[in-house]
Amino acid sequence: MGGSGSCIHTPSGVNLTIGYTELDQNDSRPQDFDDTQWAFIKVGISRRWNSHGKTNIAVQYAQVENRVSDGDDTDAWGIAIVQKIDSAALELYAAYTHYEYDDNTVGLSYQDMDFILLGTRMKF
């Protein structure tokens, strides 16, 4: 079971998205597992700071617990930017996300992961 919601304050361009999901792991696994929990929050702003078009900037944080095994924990945070180029029906975007995973039940150490995304999208 889960849900999410988003809102935007139109005059300022400030926006917020939150989400939460809980998954009963005992429906799909033979052992007795704790429920998987996922939570997400993103705060952003969308404004026209230049003559090209709107710029969207957002920061986000997500946490997942008990996804692979009881006691594991994933944290992720990131930042993203989208620049619209109205005259070319184009969007340029860049995002950075940092992931940390801990599994407290097996005592193994995992390296953190950084993810960079660059791209463009043309609408025609």
PDB file of N, CA and C in Angstrom:
ATOM      1  N   MET A   1       0.847  -1.158   0.000  1.00  0.00           N
ATOM      2  CA  MET A   1       0.000   0.000   0.000  1.00  0.00           C
ATOM      3  C   MET A   1       0.899   1.230   0.000  1.00  0.00           C
ATOM      4  N   GLY A   2       0.489   2.228  -0.703  1.00  0.00           N
ATOM      5  CA  GLY A   2       1.297   3.436  -0.734  1.00  0.00           C
ATOM      6  C   GLY A   2       0.554   4.586  -1.371  1.00  0.00           C
ATOM      7  N   GLY A   3       1.221   5.695  -1.393  1.00  0.00           N
ATOM      8  CA  GLY A   3       0.623   6.866  -1.999  1.00  0.00           C
ATOM      9  C   GLY A   3       1.659   7.958  -2.168  1.00  0.00           C
ATOM     10  N   SER A   4       1.305   8.934  -2.963  1.00  0.00           N
ATOM     11  CA  SER A   4       2.183  10.076  -3.173  1.00  0.00           C
ATOM     12  C   SER A   4       1.333  11.290  -3.498  1.00  0.00           C
ATOM     13  N   GLY A   5       1.944  12.436  -3.374  1.00  0.00           N
ATOM     14  CA  GLY A   5       1.244  13.669  -3.686  1.00  0.00           C
ATOM     15  C   GLY A   5       2.230  14.748  -4.056  1.00  0.00           C
ATOM     16  N   SER A   6       1.779  15.659  -4.887  1.00  0.00           N
ATOM     17  CA  SER A   6       2.602  16.779  -5.325  1.00  0.00           C
ATOM     18  C   SER A   6       1.781  18.050  -5.277  1.00  0.00           C
ATOM     19  N   CYS A   7       2.464  19.146  -5.043  1.00  0.00           N
ATOM     20  CA  CYS A   7       1.789  20.445  -5.088  1.00  0.00           C
ATOM     21  C   CYS A   7       2.789  21.490  -5.559  1.00  0.00           C
ATOM     22  N   ILE A   8       2.249  22.560  -6.116  1.00  0.00           N
ATOM     23  CA  ILE A   8       3.077  23.672  -6.584  1.00  0.00           C
ATOM     24  C   ILE A   8       2.418  24.976  -6.171  1.00  0.00           C
ATOM     25  N   HIS A   9       3.224  25.894  -5.698  1.00  0.00           N
ATOM     26  CA  HIS A   9       2.764  27.244  -5.422  1.00  0.00           C
ATOM     27  C   HIS A   9       3.018  28.043  -6.704  1.00  0.00           C
ATOM     28  N   THR A  10       1.978  28.246  -7.482  1.00  0.00           N
ATOM     29  CA  THR A  10       2.110  28.796  -8.829  1.00  0.00           C
ATOM     30  C   THR A  10       2.821  30.151  -8.877  1.00  0.00           C
ATOM     31  N   PRO A  11       2.510  31.106  -8.004  1.00  0.00           N
ATOM     32  CA  PRO A  11       3.197  32.403  -8.115  1.00  0.00           C
ATOM     33  C   PRO A  11       4.716  32.320  -7.923  1.00  0.00           C
ATOM     34  N   SER A  12       5.178  31.456  -7.032  1.00  0.00           N
ATOM     35  CA  SER A  12       6.616  31.383  -6.751  1.00  0.00           C
ATOM     36  C   SER A  12       7.321  30.259  -7.505  1.00  0.00           C
ATOM     37  N   GLY A  13       6.590  29.238  -7.947  1.00  0.00           N
ATOM     38  CA  GLY A  13       7.185  28.097  -8.610  1.00  0.00           C
ATOM     39  C   GLY A  13       7.731  27.042  -7.664  1.00  0.00           C
ATOM     40  N   VAL A  14       7.595  27.250  -6.357  1.00  0.00           N
ATOM     41  CA  VAL A  14       8.062  26.267  -5.377  1.00  0.00           C
ATOM     42  C   VAL A  14       7.141  25.055  -5.423  1.00  0.00           C
ATOM     43  N   ASN A  15       7.743  23.857  -5.452  1.00  0.00           N
ATOM     44  CA  ASN A  15       6.936  22.642  -5.535  1.00  0.00           C
ATOM     45  C   ASN A  15       7.464  21.587  -4.571  1.00  0.00           C
ATOM     46  N   LEU A  16       6.594  20.651  -4.245  1.00  0.00           N
ATOM     47  CA  LEU A  16       6.900  19.604  -3.277  1.00  0.00           C
ATOM     48  C   LEU A  16       6.251  18.304  -3.729  1.00  0.00           C
ATOM     49  N   THR A  17       6.992  17.210  -3.629  1.00  0.00           N
ATOM     50  CA  THR A  17       6.456  15.874  -3.879  1.00  0.00           C
ATOM     51  C   THR A  17       6.862  14.981  -2.718  1.00  0.00           C
ATOM     52  N   ILE A  18       5.917  14.216  -2.188  1.00  0.00           N
ATOM     53  CA  ILE A  18       6.217  13.246  -1.147  1.00  0.00           C
ATOM     54  C   ILE A  18       5.570  11.920  -1.521  1.00  0.00           C
ATOM     55  N   GLY A  19       6.170  10.831  -1.063  1.00  0.00           N
ATOM     56  CA  GLY A  19       5.611   9.513  -1.325  1.00  0.00           C
ATOM     57  C   GLY A  19       5.999   8.534  -0.230  1.00  0.00           C
ATOM     58  N   TYR A  20       5.164   7.551  -0.023  1.00  0.00           N
ATOM     59  CA  TYR A  20       5.433   6.504   0.957  1.00  0.00           C
ATOM     60  C   TYR A  20       4.762   5.217   0.488  1.00  0.00           C
ATOM     61  N   THR A  21       5.486   4.108   0.626  1.00  0.00           N
ATOM     62  CA  THR A  21       4.944   2.800   0.269  1.00  0.00           C
ATOM     63  C   THR A  21       5.394   1.785   1.305  1.00  0.00           C
ATOM     64  N   GLU A  22       4.510   0.867   1.633  1.00  0.00           N
ATOM     65  CA  GLU A  22       4.861  -0.254   2.497  1.00  0.00           C
ATOM     66  C   GLU A  22       4.430  -1.536   1.803  1.00  0.00           C
ATOM     67  N   LEU A  23       5.361  -2.491   1.704  1.00  0.00           N
ATOM     68  CA  LEU A  23       5.127  -3.740   1.000  1.00  0.00           C
ATOM     69  C   LEU A  23       5.223  -4.899   1.982  1.00  0.00           C
ATOM     70  N   ASP A  24       4.194  -5.737   2.039  1.00  0.00           N
ATOM     71  CA  ASP A  24       4.189  -6.920   2.907  1.00  0.00           C
ATOM     72  C   ASP A  24       5.013  -8.006   2.242  1.00  0.00           C
ATOM     73  N   GLN A  25       6.245  -8.201   2.723  1.00  0.00           N
ATOM     74  CA  GLN A  25       7.158  -9.172   2.124  1.00  0.00           C
ATOM     75  C   GLN A  25       6.700 -10.613   2.330  1.00  0.00           C
ATOM     76  N   ASN A  26       5.873 -10.883   3.302  1.00  0.00           N
ATOM     77  CA  ASN A  26       5.452 -12.255   3.565  1.00  0.00           C
ATOM     78  C   ASN A  26       4.522 -12.798   2.490  1.00  0.00           C
ATOM     79  N   ASP A  27       4.017 -11.933   1.639  1.00  0.00           N
ATOM     80  CA  ASP A  27       3.188 -12.402   0.531  1.00  0.00           C
ATOM     81  C   ASP A  27       4.019 -13.050  -0.569  1.00  0.00           C
ATOM     82  N   SER A  28       5.322 -12.693  -0.649  1.00  0.00           N
ATOM     83  CA  SER A  28       6.141 -13.181  -1.756  1.00  0.00           C
ATOM     84  C   SER A  28       7.350 -14.006  -1.316  1.00  0.00           C
ATOM     85  N   ARG A  29       7.570 -14.163  -0.017  1.00  0.00           N
ATOM     86  CA  ARG A  29       8.734 -14.902   0.472  1.00  0.00           C
ATOM     87  C   ARG A  29       8.300 -15.942   1.493  1.00  0.00           C
ATOM     88  N   PRO A  30       8.990 -17.070   1.509  1.00  0.00           N
ATOM     89  CA  PRO A  30       8.591 -18.121   2.449  1.00  0.00           C
ATOM     90  C   PRO A  30       8.981 -17.814   3.892  1.00  0.00           C
ATOM     91  N   GLN A  31      10.030 -17.010   4.113  1.00  0.00           N
ATOM     92  CA  GLN A  31      10.450 -16.692   5.471  1.00  0.00           C
ATOM     93  C   GLN A  31       9.630 -15.523   6.018  1.00  0.00           C
ATOM     94  N   ASP A  32       9.802 -15.275   7.301  1.00  0.00           N
ATOM     95  CA  ASP A  32       9.115 -14.163   7.952  1.00  0.00           C
ATOM     96  C   ASP A  32       9.992 -12.920   7.850  1.00  0.00           C
ATOM     97  N   PHE A  33       9.686 -12.024   6.922  1.00  0.00           N
ATOM     98  CA  PHE A  33      10.458 -10.805   6.713  1.00  0.00           C
ATOM     99  C   PHE A  33       9.683  -9.601   7.221  1.00  0.00           C
ATOM    100  N   ASP A  34      10.451  -8.581   7.646  1.00  0.00           N
ATOM    101  CA  ASP A  34       9.825  -7.307   7.970  1.00  0.00           C
ATOM    102  C   ASP A  34       9.317  -6.665   6.683  1.00  0.00           C
ATOM    103  N   ASP A  35       8.329  -5.810   6.823  1.00  0.00           N
ATOM    104  CA  ASP A  35       7.790  -5.131   5.652  1.00  0.00           C
ATOM    105  C   ASP A  35       8.818  -4.178   5.050  1.00  0.00           C
ATOM    106  N   THR A  36       8.841  -4.088   3.726  1.00  0.00           N
ATOM    107  CA  THR A  36       9.669  -3.105   3.033  1.00  0.00           C
ATOM    108  C   THR A  36       8.974  -1.754   3.124  1.00  0.00           C
ATOM    109  N   GLN A  37       9.747  -0.734   3.444  1.00  0.00           N
ATOM    110  CA  GLN A  37       9.213   0.622   3.533  1.00  0.00           C
ATOM    111  C   GLN A  37      10.036   1.540   2.641  1.00  0.00           C
ATOM    112  N   TRP A  38       9.353   2.384   1.903  1.00  0.00           N
ATOM    113  CA  TRP A  38       9.981   3.330   0.998  1.00  0.00           C
ATOM    114  C   TRP A  38       9.383   4.706   1.250  1.00  0.00           C
ATOM    115  N   ALA A  39      10.240   5.721   1.417  1.00  0.00           N
ATOM    116  CA  ALA A  39       9.776   7.098   1.611  1.00  0.00           C
ATOM    117  C   ALA A  39      10.588   8.015   0.703  1.00  0.00           C
ATOM    118  N   PHE A  40       9.941   9.065   0.199  1.00  0.00           N
ATOM    119  CA  PHE A  40      10.562   9.949  -0.783  1.00  0.00           C
ATOM    120  C   PHE A  40      10.065  11.370  -0.567  1.00  0.00           C
ATOM    121  N   ILE A  41      10.982  12.332  -0.694  1.00  0.00           N
ATOM    122  CA  ILE A  41      10.598  13.740  -0.669  1.00  0.00           C
ATOM    123  C   ILE A  41      11.447  14.495  -1.688  1.00  0.00           C
ATOM    124  N   LYS A  42      10.802  15.382  -2.409  1.00  0.00           N
ATOM    125  CA  LYS A  42      11.501  16.222  -3.391  1.00  0.00           C
ATOM    126  C   LYS A  42      10.965  17.637  -3.262  1.00  0.00           C
ATOM    127  N   VAL A  43      11.877  18.602  -3.201  1.00  0.00           N
ATOM    128  CA  VAL A  43      11.522  20.019  -3.121  1.00  0.00           C
ATOM    129  C   VAL A  43      12.189  20.708  -4.300  1.00  0.00           C
ATOM    130  N   GLY A  44      11.426  21.526  -4.986  1.00  0.00           N
ATOM    131  CA  GLY A  44      11.989  22.173  -6.163  1.00  0.00           C
ATOM    132  C   GLY A  44      11.447  23.561  -6.391  1.00  0.00           C
ATOM    133  N   ILE A  45      11.997  24.185  -7.406  1.00  0.00           N
ATOM    134  CA  ILE A  45      11.515  25.495  -7.835  1.00  0.00           C
ATOM    135  C   ILE A  45      11.550  25.534  -9.362  1.00  0.00           C
ATOM    136  N   SER A  46      10.550  26.149  -9.937  1.00  0.00           N
ATOM    137  CA  SER A  46      10.432  26.280 -11.385  1.00  0.00           C
ATOM    138  C   SER A  46      10.189  27.761 -11.699  1.00  0.00           C
ATOM    139  N   ARG A  47      11.190  28.389 -12.335  1.00  0.00           N
ATOM    140  CA  ARG A  47      11.080  29.816 -12.625  1.00  0.00           C
ATOM    141  C   ARG A  47      11.744  30.146 -13.949  1.00  0.00           C
ATOM    142  N   ARG A  48      11.400  31.276 -14.460  1.00  0.00           N
ATOM    143  CA  ARG A  48      12.019  31.775 -15.696  1.00  0.00           C
ATOM    144  C   ARG A  48      13.097  32.791 -15.290  1.00  0.00           C
ATOM    145  N   TRP A  49      14.347  32.306 -15.157  1.00  0.00           N
ATOM    146  CA  TRP A  49      15.457  33.153 -14.758  1.00  0.00           C
ATOM    147  C   TRP A  49      16.222  33.711 -15.957  1.00  0.00           C
ATOM    148  N   ASN A  50      15.941  33.219 -17.146  1.00  0.00           N
ATOM    149  CA  ASN A  50      16.629  33.714 -18.335  1.00  0.00           C
ATOM    150  C   ASN A  50      15.645  33.767 -19.498  1.00  0.00           C
ATOM    151  N   SER A  51      16.107  34.277 -20.628  1.00  0.00           N
ATOM    152  CA  SER A  51      15.218  34.458 -21.781  1.00  0.00           C
ATOM    153  C   SER A  51      14.965  33.165 -22.557  1.00  0.00           C
ATOM    154  N   HIS A  52      15.693  32.095 -22.266  1.00  0.00           N
ATOM    155  CA  HIS A  52      15.545  30.836 -23.004  1.00  0.00           C
ATOM    156  C   HIS A  52      14.265  30.089 -22.654  1.00  0.00           C
ATOM    157  N   GLY A  53      13.879  30.119 -21.379  1.00  0.00           N
ATOM    158  CA  GLY A  53      12.706  29.383 -20.921  1.00  0.00           C
ATOM    159  C   GLY A  53      12.821  29.090 -19.442  1.00  0.00           C
ATOM    160  N   LYS A  54      11.882  28.319 -18.920  1.00  0.00           N
ATOM    161  CA  LYS A  54      11.876  27.998 -17.490  1.00  0.00           C
ATOM    162  C   LYS A  54      13.057  27.113 -17.117  1.00  0.00           C
ATOM    163  N   THR A  55      13.527  27.314 -15.898  1.00  0.00           N
ATOM    164  CA  THR A  55      14.543  26.467 -15.297  1.00  0.00           C
ATOM    165  C   THR A  55      13.907  25.776 -14.103  1.00  0.00           C
ATOM    166  N   ASN A  56      14.074  24.463 -14.022  1.00  0.00           N
ATOM    167  CA  ASN A  56      13.553  23.689 -12.902  1.00  0.00           C
ATOM    168  C   ASN A  56      14.732  23.105 -12.131  1.00  0.00           C
ATOM    169  N   ILE A  57      14.752  23.338 -10.824  1.00  0.00           N
ATOM    170  CA  ILE A  57      15.800  22.804  -9.958  1.00  0.00           C
ATOM    171  C   ILE A  57      15.111  22.078  -8.811  1.00  0.00           C
ATOM    172  N   ALA A  58      15.618  20.883  -8.474  1.00  0.00           N
ATOM    173  CA  ALA A  58      15.010  20.114  -7.385  1.00  0.00           C
ATOM    174  C   ALA A  58      16.075  19.345  -6.622  1.00  0.00           C
ATOM    175  N   VAL A  59      15.847  19.183  -5.323  1.00  0.00           N
ATOM    176  CA  VAL A  59      16.651  18.300  -4.484  1.00  0.00           C
ATOM    177  C   VAL A  59      15.715  17.225  -3.958  1.00  0.00           C
ATOM    178  N   GLN A  60      16.265  16.021  -3.777  1.00  0.00           N
ATOM    179  CA  GLN A  60      15.414  14.915  -3.345  1.00  0.00           C
ATOM    180  C   GLN A  60      16.147  14.007  -2.368  1.00  0.00           C
ATOM    181  N   TYR A  61      15.356  13.282  -1.578  1.00  0.00           N
ATOM    182  CA  TYR A  61      15.878  12.299  -0.630  1.00  0.00           C
ATOM    183  C   TYR A  61      14.924  11.108  -0.619  1.00  0.00           C
ATOM    184  N   ALA A  62      15.493   9.914  -0.619  1.00  0.00           N
ATOM    185  CA  ALA A  62      14.676   8.696  -0.548  1.00  0.00           C
ATOM    186  C   ALA A  62      15.338   7.720   0.415  1.00  0.00           C
ATOM    187  N   GLN A  63      14.509   6.928   1.082  1.00  0.00           N
ATOM    188  CA  GLN A  63      15.002   5.890   1.975  1.00  0.00           C
ATOM    189  C   GLN A  63      14.176   4.631   1.781  1.00  0.00           C
ATOM    190  N   VAL A  64      14.869   3.486   1.674  1.00  0.00           N
ATOM    191  CA  VAL A  64      14.209   2.192   1.546  1.00  0.00           C
ATOM    192  C   VAL A  64      14.756   1.290   2.641  1.00  0.00           C
ATOM    193  N   GLU A  65      13.870   0.621   3.362  1.00  0.00           N
ATOM    194  CA  GLU A  65      14.279  -0.305   4.421  1.00  0.00           C
ATOM    195  C   GLU A  65      13.740  -1.695   4.139  1.00  0.00           C
ATOM    196  N   ASN A  66      14.552  -2.708   4.435  1.00  0.00           N
ATOM    197  CA  ASN A  66      14.158  -4.119   4.335  1.00  0.00           C
ATOM    198  C   ASN A  66      13.806  -4.537   2.910  1.00  0.00           C
ATOM    199  N   ARG A  67      14.510  -4.031   1.920  1.00  0.00           N
ATOM    200  CA  ARG A  67      14.197  -4.380   0.536  1.00  0.00           C
ATOM    201  C   ARG A  67      14.790  -5.727   0.143  1.00  0.00           C
ATOM    202  N   VAL A  68      16.057  -5.949   0.475  1.00  0.00           N
ATOM    203  CA  VAL A  68      16.716  -7.198   0.111  1.00  0.00           C
ATOM    204  C   VAL A  68      16.653  -8.188   1.269  1.00  0.00           C
ATOM    205  N   SER A  69      16.898  -7.700   2.478  1.00  0.00           N
ATOM    206  CA  SER A  69      16.841  -8.552   3.667  1.00  0.00           C
ATOM    207  C   SER A  69      16.425  -7.708   4.860  1.00  0.00           C
ATOM    208  N   ASP A  70      16.036  -8.375   5.945  1.00  0.00           N
ATOM    209  CA  ASP A  70      15.689  -7.635   7.156  1.00  0.00           C
ATOM    210  C   ASP A  70      16.898  -6.833   7.621  1.00  0.00           C
ATOM    211  N   GLY A  71      16.679  -5.592   7.948  1.00  0.00           N
ATOM    212  CA  GLY A  71      17.743  -4.763   8.482  1.00  0.00           C
ATOM    213  C   GLY A  71      18.554  -4.014   7.453  1.00  0.00           C
ATOM    214  N   ASP A  72      18.267  -4.184   6.159  1.00  0.00           N
ATOM    215  CA  ASP A  72      19.021  -3.408   5.180  1.00  0.00           C
ATOM    216  C   ASP A  72      18.400  -2.028   5.021  1.00  0.00           C
ATOM    217  N   ASP A  73      19.218  -1.116   4.540  1.00  0.00           N
ATOM    218  CA  ASP A  73      18.796   0.272   4.472  1.00  0.00           C
ATOM    219  C   ASP A  73      19.494   0.936   3.284  1.00  0.00           C
ATOM    220  N   THR A  74      18.720   1.593   2.438  1.00  0.00           N
ATOM    221  CA  THR A  74      19.269   2.356   1.322  1.00  0.00           C
ATOM    222  C   THR A  74      18.852   3.805   1.475  1.00  0.00           C
ATOM    223  N   ASP A  75      19.822   4.694   1.390  1.00  0.00           N
ATOM    224  CA  ASP A  75      19.559   6.124   1.390  1.00  0.00           C
ATOM    225  C   ASP A  75      20.041   6.691   0.065  1.00  0.00           C
ATOM    226  N   ALA A  76      19.277   7.613  -0.485  1.00  0.00           N
ATOM    227  CA  ALA A  76      19.665   8.258  -1.737  1.00  0.00           C
ATOM    228  C   ALA A  76      19.281   9.734  -1.665  1.00  0.00           C
ATOM    229  N   TRP A  77      20.190  10.589  -2.104  1.00  0.00           N
ATOM    230  CA  TRP A  77      19.884  12.007  -2.195  1.00  0.00           C
ATOM    231  C   TRP A  77      20.470  12.537  -3.501  1.00  0.00           C
ATOM    232  N   GLY A  78      19.851  13.584  -4.001  1.00  0.00           N
ATOM    233  CA  GLY A  78      20.325  14.091  -5.273  1.00  0.00           C
ATOM    234  C   GLY A  78      19.813  15.471  -5.594  1.00  0.00           C
ATOM    235  N   ILE A  79      20.303  15.967  -6.713  1.00  0.00           N
ATOM    236  CA  ILE A  79      19.899  17.272  -7.229  1.00  0.00           C
ATOM    237  C   ILE A  79      19.731  17.143  -8.738  1.00  0.00           C
ATOM    238  N   ALA A  80      18.770  17.866  -9.282  1.00  0.00           N
ATOM    239  CA  ALA A  80      18.515  17.810 -10.723  1.00  0.00           C
ATOM    240  C   ALA A  80      18.169  19.213 -11.225  1.00  0.00           C
ATOM    241  N   ILE A  81      18.513  19.458 -12.485  1.00  0.00           N
ATOM    242  CA  ILE A  81      18.184  20.731 -13.118  1.00  0.00           C
ATOM    243  C   ILE A  81      17.726  20.465 -14.550  1.00  0.00           C
ATOM    244  N   VAL A  82      16.694  21.179 -14.963  1.00  0.00           N
ATOM    245  CA  VAL A  82      16.195  21.111 -16.337  1.00  0.00           C
ATOM    246  C   VAL A  82      16.089  22.543 -16.850  1.00  0.00           C
ATOM    247  N   GLN A  83      16.718  22.791 -17.997  1.00  0.00           N
ATOM    248  CA  GLN A  83      16.613  24.097 -18.644  1.00  0.00           C
ATOM    249  C   GLN A  83      15.835  23.934 -19.936  1.00  0.00           C
ATOM    250  N   LYS A  84      14.727  24.650 -20.034  1.00  0.00           N
ATOM    251  CA  LYS A  84      13.934  24.614 -21.264  1.00  0.00           C
ATOM    252  C   LYS A  84      14.442  25.683 -22.222  1.00  0.00           C
ATOM    253  N   ILE A  85      14.518  25.316 -23.502  1.00  0.00           N
ATOM    254  CA  ILE A  85      14.868  26.239 -24.579  1.00  0.00           C
ATOM    255  C   ILE A  85      13.625  26.339 -25.457  1.00  0.00           C
ATOM    256  N   ASP A  86      12.789  27.319 -25.173  1.00  0.00           N
ATOM    257  CA  ASP A  86      11.489  27.435 -25.836  1.00  0.00           C
ATOM    258  C   ASP A  86      11.596  27.555 -27.353  1.00  0.00           C
ATOM    259  N   SER A  87      12.572  28.309 -27.853  1.00  0.00           N
ATOM    260  CA  SER A  87      12.674  28.553 -29.297  1.00  0.00           C
ATOM    261  C   SER A  87      12.989  27.287 -30.091  1.00  0.00           C
ATOM    262  N   ALA A  88      13.529  26.254 -29.428  1.00  0.00           N
ATOM    263  CA  ALA A  88      13.875  25.004 -30.115  1.00  0.00           C
ATOM    264  C   ALA A  88      13.051  23.822 -29.621  1.00  0.00           C
ATOM    265  N   ALA A  89      12.054  24.080 -28.775  1.00  0.00           N
ATOM    266  CA  ALA A  89      11.252  23.003 -28.169  1.00  0.00           C
ATOM    267  C   ALA A  89      12.167  21.941 -27.548  1.00  0.00           C
ATOM    268  N   LEU A  90      13.177  22.416 -26.817  1.00  0.00           N
ATOM    269  CA  LEU A  90      14.244  21.564 -26.319  1.00  0.00           C
ATOM    270  C   LEU A  90      14.351  21.679 -24.801  1.00  0.00           C
ATOM    271  N   GLU A  91      14.734  20.574 -24.166  1.00  0.00           N
ATOM    272  CA  GLU A  91      15.036  20.569 -22.741  1.00  0.00           C
ATOM    273  C   GLU A  91      16.427  19.976 -22.549  1.00  0.00           C
ATOM    274  N   LEU A  92      17.254  20.643 -21.766  1.00  0.00           N
ATOM    275  CA  LEU A  92      18.560  20.131 -21.371  1.00  0.00           C
ATOM    276  C   LEU A  92      18.463  19.771 -19.899  1.00  0.00           C
ATOM    277  N   TYR A  93      18.987  18.601 -19.520  1.00  0.00           N
ATOM    278  CA  TYR A  93      18.871  18.218 -18.113  1.00  0.00           C
ATOM    279  C   TYR A  93      20.137  17.567 -17.600  1.00  0.00           C
ATOM    280  N   ALA A  94      20.330  17.696 -16.300  1.00  0.00           N
ATOM    281  CA  ALA A  94      21.454  17.081 -15.607  1.00  0.00           C
ATOM    282  C   ALA A  94      20.977  16.693 -14.217  1.00  0.00           C
ATOM    283  N   ALA A  95      21.464  15.555 -13.733  1.00  0.00           N
ATOM    284  CA  ALA A  95      21.074  15.097 -12.393  1.00  0.00           C
ATOM    285  C   ALA A  95      22.251  14.368 -11.760  1.00  0.00           C
ATOM    286  N   TYR A  96      22.337  14.482 -10.456  1.00  0.00           N
ATOM    287  CA  TYR A  96      23.331  13.765  -9.669  1.00  0.00           C
ATOM    288  C   TYR A  96      22.600  13.106  -8.507  1.00  0.00           C
ATOM    289  N   THR A  97      22.874  11.818  -8.282  1.00  0.00           N
ATOM    290  CA  THR A  97      22.286  11.096  -7.153  1.00  0.00           C
ATOM    291  C   THR A  97      23.375  10.288  -6.457  1.00  0.00           C
ATOM    292  N   HIS A  98      23.364  10.315  -5.139  1.00  0.00           N
ATOM    293  CA  HIS A  98      24.308   9.563  -4.316  1.00  0.00           C
ATOM    294  C   HIS A  98      23.524   8.479  -3.569  1.00  0.00           C
ATOM    295  N   TYR A  99      23.991   7.228  -3.667  1.00  0.00           N
ATOM    296  CA  TYR A  99      23.327   6.088  -3.023  1.00  0.00           C
ATOM    297  C   TYR A  99      24.229   5.482  -1.956  1.00  0.00           C
ATOM    298  N   GLU A 100      23.644   5.141  -0.816  1.00  0.00           N
ATOM    299  CA  GLU A 100      24.341   4.439   0.259  1.00  0.00           C
ATOM    300  C   GLU A 100      23.506   3.230   0.646  1.00  0.00           C
ATOM    301  N   TYR A 101      24.164   2.059   0.723  1.00  0.00           N
ATOM    302  CA  TYR A 101      23.459   0.827   1.091  1.00  0.00           C
ATOM    303  C   TYR A 101      24.167   0.181   2.272  1.00  0.00           C
ATOM    304  N   ASP A 102      23.396  -0.199   3.275  1.00  0.00           N
ATOM    305  CA  ASP A 102      23.906  -0.910   4.443  1.00  0.00           C
ATOM    306  C   ASP A 102      23.038  -2.130   4.678  1.00  0.00           C
ATOM    307  N   ASP A 103      23.686  -3.251   4.929  1.00  0.00           N
ATOM    308  CA  ASP A 103      22.960  -4.474   5.304  1.00  0.00           C
ATOM    309  C   ASP A 103      23.450  -4.868   6.685  1.00  0.00           C
ATOM    310  N   ASN A 104      22.669  -4.536   7.685  1.00  0.00           N
ATOM    311  CA  ASN A 104      23.074  -4.716   9.076  1.00  0.00           C
ATOM    312  C   ASN A 104      23.008  -6.165   9.546  1.00  0.00           C
ATOM    313  N   THR A 105      22.445  -7.057   8.751  1.00  0.00           N
ATOM    314  CA  THR A 105      22.290  -8.441   9.201  1.00  0.00           C
ATOM    315  C   THR A 105      23.476  -9.320   8.814  1.00  0.00           C
ATOM    316  N   VAL A 106      24.150  -9.035   7.723  1.00  0.00           N
ATOM    317  CA  VAL A 106      25.240  -9.902   7.280  1.00  0.00           C
ATOM    318  C   VAL A 106      26.617  -9.332   7.579  1.00  0.00           C
ATOM    319  N   GLY A 107      26.690  -8.070   7.961  1.00  0.00           N
ATOM    320  CA  GLY A 107      27.958  -7.477   8.341  1.00  0.00           C
ATOM    321  C   GLY A 107      28.906  -7.188   7.190  1.00  0.00           C
ATOM    322  N   LEU A 108      28.416  -7.134   5.978  1.00  0.00           N
ATOM    323  CA  LEU A 108      29.259  -6.800   4.826  1.00  0.00           C
ATOM    324  C   LEU A 108      29.279  -5.291   4.624  1.00  0.00           C
ATOM    325  N   SER A 109      30.349  -4.817   4.025  1.00  0.00           N
ATOM    326  CA  SER A 109      30.486  -3.404   3.735  1.00  0.00           C
ATOM    327  C   SER A 109      30.310  -3.186   2.234  1.00  0.00           C
ATOM    328  N   TYR A 110      29.552  -2.192   1.877  1.00  0.00           N
ATOM    329  CA  TYR A 110      29.298  -1.885   0.470  1.00  0.00           C
ATOM    330  C   TYR A 110      29.790  -0.479   0.167  1.00  0.00           C
ATOM    331  N   GLN A 111      30.298  -0.290  -1.036  1.00  0.00           N
ATOM    332  CA  GLN A 111      30.726   1.038  -1.454  1.00  0.00           C
ATOM    333  C   GLN A 111      29.513   1.874  -1.844  1.00  0.00           C
ATOM    334  N   ASP A 112      29.601   3.156  -1.563  1.00  0.00           N
ATOM    335  CA  ASP A 112      28.563   4.079  -2.006  1.00  0.00           C
ATOM    336  C   ASP A 112      28.654   4.228  -3.517  1.00  0.00           C
ATOM    337  N   MET A 113      27.567   4.677  -4.119  1.00  0.00           N
ATOM    338  CA  MET A 113      27.533   4.821  -5.568  1.00  0.00           C
ATOM    339  C   MET A 113      27.040   6.220  -5.926  1.00  0.00           C
ATOM    340  N   ASP A 114      27.685   6.809  -6.909  1.00  0.00           N
ATOM    341  CA  ASP A 114      27.283   8.107  -7.434  1.00  0.00           C
ATOM    342  C   ASP A 114      26.826   7.925  -8.875  1.00  0.00           C
ATOM    343  N   PHE A 115      25.723   8.585  -9.212  1.00  0.00           N
ATOM    344  CA  PHE A 115      25.113   8.437 -10.532  1.00  0.00           C
ATOM    345  C   PHE A 115      24.938   9.822 -11.132  1.00  0.00           C
ATOM    346  N   ILE A 116      25.456  10.007 -12.338  1.00  0.00           N
ATOM    347  CA  ILE A 116      25.319  11.277 -13.045  1.00  0.00           C
ATOM    348  C   ILE A 116      24.552  11.029 -14.335  1.00  0.00           C
ATOM    349  N   LEU A 117      23.580  11.861 -14.593  1.00  0.00           N
ATOM    350  CA  LEU A 117      22.744  11.743 -15.782  1.00  0.00           C
ATOM    351  C   LEU A 117      22.754  13.084 -16.519  1.00  0.00           C
ATOM    352  N   LEU A 118      23.052  13.042 -17.802  1.00  0.00           N
ATOM    353  CA  LEU A 118      23.012  14.221 -18.667  1.00  0.00           C
ATOM    354  C   LEU A 118      22.182  13.871 -19.893  1.00  0.00           C
ATOM    355  N   GLY A 119      21.390  14.815 -20.350  1.00  0.00           N
ATOM    356  CA  GLY A 119      20.623  14.507 -21.539  1.00  0.00           C
ATOM    357  C   GLY A 119      19.891  15.688 -22.114  1.00  0.00           C
ATOM    358  N   THR A 120      19.194  15.410 -23.181  1.00  0.00           N
ATOM    359  CA  THR A 120      18.383  16.409 -23.847  1.00  0.00           C
ATOM    360  C   THR A 120      17.130  15.750 -24.386  1.00  0.00           C
ATOM    361  N   ARG A 121      16.091  16.533 -24.510  1.00  0.00           N
ATOM    362  CA  ARG A 121      14.836  16.015 -25.087  1.00  0.00           C
ATOM    363  C   ARG A 121      14.253  17.100 -25.979  1.00  0.00           C
ATOM    364  N   MET A 122      13.899  16.686 -27.195  1.00  0.00           N
ATOM    365  CA  MET A 122      13.268  17.609 -28.136  1.00  0.00           C
ATOM    366  C   MET A 122      11.844  17.140 -28.377  1.00  0.00           C
ATOM    367  N   LYS A 123      10.914  18.075 -28.265  1.00  0.00           N
ATOM    368  CA  LYS A 123       9.512  17.751 -28.508  1.00  0.00           C
ATOM    369  C   LYS A 123       9.132  18.282 -29.891  1.00  0.00           C
ATOM    370  N   PHE A 124       8.592  17.372 -30.697  1.00  0.00           N
ATOM    371  CA  PHE A 124       8.152  17.802 -32.036  1.00  0.00           C
ATOM    372  C   PHE A 124       6.922  17.052 -32.445  1.00  0.00           C
TER     373      PHE A 124
END
